[in-house]
Amino acid sequence: MLQKLADELSPRGLAFVTVALDGSPVRAARVAARLGLHAPVVIGDTRLRQDFLVASYPWTIVIGRDGRAAAAFRGVHSEDAFREAFRRALADRPRS
């Protein structure tokens, strides 16, 4: 569902990145492929986990155009909930 929304909203500026907080890049890429995600896969670290207060998986963070967290979701949520969060983040103008 997230990849579907990313594909749909990418022309409006939505970028989707998969972040794995453990394991190797190869393992993370395999998991992403199995889940049907074709977004870039990066390996996060302890600082990323602390900066975004990641406490459980899955953890989805919507980053606004200004580079700040605009929304965060713990666990699984509906397509409508993600769509609304993405819509709001895309509507925001970067802060000066």
C-alpha atoms as a PDB file:
ATOM      1  CA  MET A   1       0.000   0.000   0.000  1.00  0.00           C
ATOM      2  CA  LEU A   2       2.784   2.490   0.826  1.00  0.00           C
ATOM      3  CA  GLN A   3       4.547   1.794  -2.454  1.00  0.00           C
ATOM      4  CA  LYS A   4       1.255   2.298  -4.299  1.00  0.00           C
ATOM      5  CA  LEU A   5       0.808   5.690  -2.644  1.00  0.00           C
ATOM      6  CA  ALA A   6       4.435   6.610  -3.309  1.00  0.00           C
ATOM      7  CA  ASP A   7       4.023   5.754  -6.994  1.00  0.00           C
ATOM      8  CA  GLU A   8       0.783   7.734  -7.174  1.00  0.00           C
ATOM      9  CA  LEU A   9       2.087  10.815  -5.363  1.00  0.00           C
ATOM     10  CA  SER A  10       5.668  10.967  -6.645  1.00  0.00           C
ATOM     11  CA  PRO A  11       4.719  13.395  -9.459  1.00  0.00           C
ATOM     12  CA  ARG A  12       3.622  15.808  -6.697  1.00  0.00           C
ATOM     13  CA  GLY A  13       6.983  15.484  -4.943  1.00  0.00           C
ATOM     14  CA  LEU A  14       6.540  12.547  -2.586  1.00  0.00           C
ATOM     15  CA  ALA A  15       9.741  10.572  -2.142  1.00  0.00           C
ATOM     16  CA  PHE A  16       9.645   7.190  -0.415  1.00  0.00           C
ATOM     17  CA  VAL A  17      12.678   5.610   1.235  1.00  0.00           C
ATOM     18  CA  THR A  18      12.823   2.319   3.108  1.00  0.00           C
ATOM     19  CA  VAL A  19      14.989   2.462   6.237  1.00  0.00           C
ATOM     20  CA  ALA A  20      16.161  -0.697   7.958  1.00  0.00           C
ATOM     21  CA  LEU A  21      17.519  -0.313  11.460  1.00  0.00           C
ATOM     22  CA  ASP A  22      19.228  -3.661  11.683  1.00  0.00           C
ATOM     23  CA  GLY A  23      20.768  -6.215   9.392  1.00  0.00           C
ATOM     24  CA  SER A  24      22.823  -5.772   6.285  1.00  0.00           C
ATOM     25  CA  PRO A  25      22.011  -3.758   3.162  1.00  0.00           C
ATOM     26  CA  VAL A  26      21.602  -7.016   1.220  1.00  0.00           C
ATOM     27  CA  ARG A  27      19.132  -8.419   3.757  1.00  0.00           C
ATOM     28  CA  ALA A  28      17.209  -5.140   3.889  1.00  0.00           C
ATOM     29  CA  ALA A  29      16.950  -5.041   0.090  1.00  0.00           C
ATOM     30  CA  ARG A  30      15.647  -8.642   0.071  1.00  0.00           C
ATOM     31  CA  VAL A  31      12.979  -7.828   2.655  1.00  0.00           C
ATOM     32  CA  ALA A  32      11.931  -4.702   0.736  1.00  0.00           C
ATOM     33  CA  ALA A  33      11.679  -6.698  -2.506  1.00  0.00           C
ATOM     34  CA  ARG A  34       9.606  -9.376  -0.777  1.00  0.00           C
ATOM     35  CA  LEU A  35       7.242  -6.641   0.439  1.00  0.00           C
ATOM     36  CA  GLY A  36       6.981  -5.157  -3.049  1.00  0.00           C
ATOM     37  CA  LEU A  37       8.879  -1.982  -2.180  1.00  0.00           C
ATOM     38  CA  HIS A  38      11.075  -0.595  -4.923  1.00  0.00           C
ATOM     39  CA  ALA A  39      12.060   2.551  -3.069  1.00  0.00           C
ATOM     40  CA  PRO A  40      15.707   3.057  -2.143  1.00  0.00           C
ATOM     41  CA  VAL A  41      16.763   1.084   0.939  1.00  0.00           C
ATOM     42  CA  VAL A  42      19.115   2.633   3.483  1.00  0.00           C
ATOM     43  CA  ILE A  43      20.460   1.316   6.764  1.00  0.00           C
ATOM     44  CA  GLY A  44      19.751   3.547   9.727  1.00  0.00           C
ATOM     45  CA  ASP A  45      21.723   3.710  12.948  1.00  0.00           C
ATOM     46  CA  THR A  46      21.219   4.404  16.628  1.00  0.00           C
ATOM     47  CA  ARG A  47      21.205   8.158  16.074  1.00  0.00           C
ATOM     48  CA  LEU A  48      18.400   7.935  13.521  1.00  0.00           C
ATOM     49  CA  ARG A  49      16.427   5.718  15.896  1.00  0.00           C
ATOM     50  CA  GLN A  50      16.903   8.255  18.690  1.00  0.00           C
ATOM     51  CA  ASP A  51      16.277  11.349  16.541  1.00  0.00           C
ATOM     52  CA  PHE A  52      12.926  10.011  15.335  1.00  0.00           C
ATOM     53  CA  LEU A  53      12.020   8.169  18.564  1.00  0.00           C
ATOM     54  CA  VAL A  54      11.593   4.855  16.766  1.00  0.00           C
ATOM     55  CA  ALA A  55      10.267   2.443  19.364  1.00  0.00           C
ATOM     56  CA  SER A  56       8.641  -0.337  17.348  1.00  0.00           C
ATOM     57  CA  TYR A  57       8.264  -1.751  13.862  1.00  0.00           C
ATOM     58  CA  PRO A  58       6.845  -0.927  11.457  1.00  0.00           C
ATOM     59  CA  TRP A  59       7.402   2.743  12.073  1.00  0.00           C
ATOM     60  CA  THR A  60       6.484   5.165   9.312  1.00  0.00           C
ATOM     61  CA  ILE A  61       7.723   8.734   9.466  1.00  0.00           C
ATOM     62  CA  VAL A  62       6.472  11.338   7.032  1.00  0.00           C
ATOM     63  CA  ILE A  63       9.117  13.993   6.461  1.00  0.00           C
ATOM     64  CA  GLY A  64       7.828  17.362   5.281  1.00  0.00           C
ATOM     65  CA  ARG A  65       9.353  19.500   2.563  1.00  0.00           C
ATOM     66  CA  ASP A  66      11.276  21.333   5.292  1.00  0.00           C
ATOM     67  CA  GLY A  67      13.058  18.135   6.358  1.00  0.00           C
ATOM     68  CA  ARG A  68      11.194  17.832   9.650  1.00  0.00           C
ATOM     69  CA  ALA A  69       8.952  14.983  10.763  1.00  0.00           C
ATOM     70  CA  ALA A  70       5.407  15.913   9.757  1.00  0.00           C
ATOM     71  CA  ALA A  71       3.715  12.736  11.014  1.00  0.00           C
ATOM     72  CA  ALA A  72       4.611   9.369  12.485  1.00  0.00           C
ATOM     73  CA  PHE A  73       2.765   6.077  12.557  1.00  0.00           C
ATOM     74  CA  ARG A  74       3.430   3.107  14.822  1.00  0.00           C
ATOM     75  CA  GLY A  75       2.231  -0.160  13.435  1.00  0.00           C
ATOM     76  CA  VAL A  76      -0.075  -0.720  10.502  1.00  0.00           C
ATOM     77  CA  HIS A  77      -2.577   1.964   9.451  1.00  0.00           C
ATOM     78  CA  SER A  78      -5.143   2.466   6.726  1.00  0.00           C
ATOM     79  CA  GLU A  79      -4.373   3.772   3.273  1.00  0.00           C
ATOM     80  CA  ASP A  80      -6.599   6.772   4.025  1.00  0.00           C
ATOM     81  CA  ALA A  81      -4.545   7.687   7.119  1.00  0.00           C
ATOM     82  CA  PHE A  82      -1.288   7.585   5.152  1.00  0.00           C
ATOM     83  CA  ARG A  83      -2.822   9.423   2.191  1.00  0.00           C
ATOM     84  CA  GLU A  84      -3.959  12.269   4.465  1.00  0.00           C
ATOM     85  CA  ALA A  85      -0.545  12.556   6.121  1.00  0.00           C
ATOM     86  CA  PHE A  86       1.171  12.589   2.724  1.00  0.00           C
ATOM     87  CA  ARG A  87      -1.317  15.166   1.421  1.00  0.00           C
ATOM     88  CA  ARG A  88      -0.601  17.474   4.350  1.00  0.00           C
ATOM     89  CA  ALA A  89       3.169  17.088   4.016  1.00  0.00           C
ATOM     90  CA  LEU A  90       3.016  17.824   0.296  1.00  0.00           C
ATOM     91  CA  ALA A  91       0.851  20.899   0.898  1.00  0.00           C
ATOM     92  CA  ASP A  92       3.288  22.403   3.407  1.00  0.00           C
ATOM     93  CA  ARG A  93       5.694  25.004   2.132  1.00  0.00           C
ATOM     94  CA  PRO A  94       9.272  24.846   3.378  1.00  0.00           C
ATOM     95  CA  ARG A  95       9.922  27.104   6.359  1.00  0.00           C
ATOM     96  CA  SER A  96      12.543  29.823   5.934  1.00  0.00           C
END
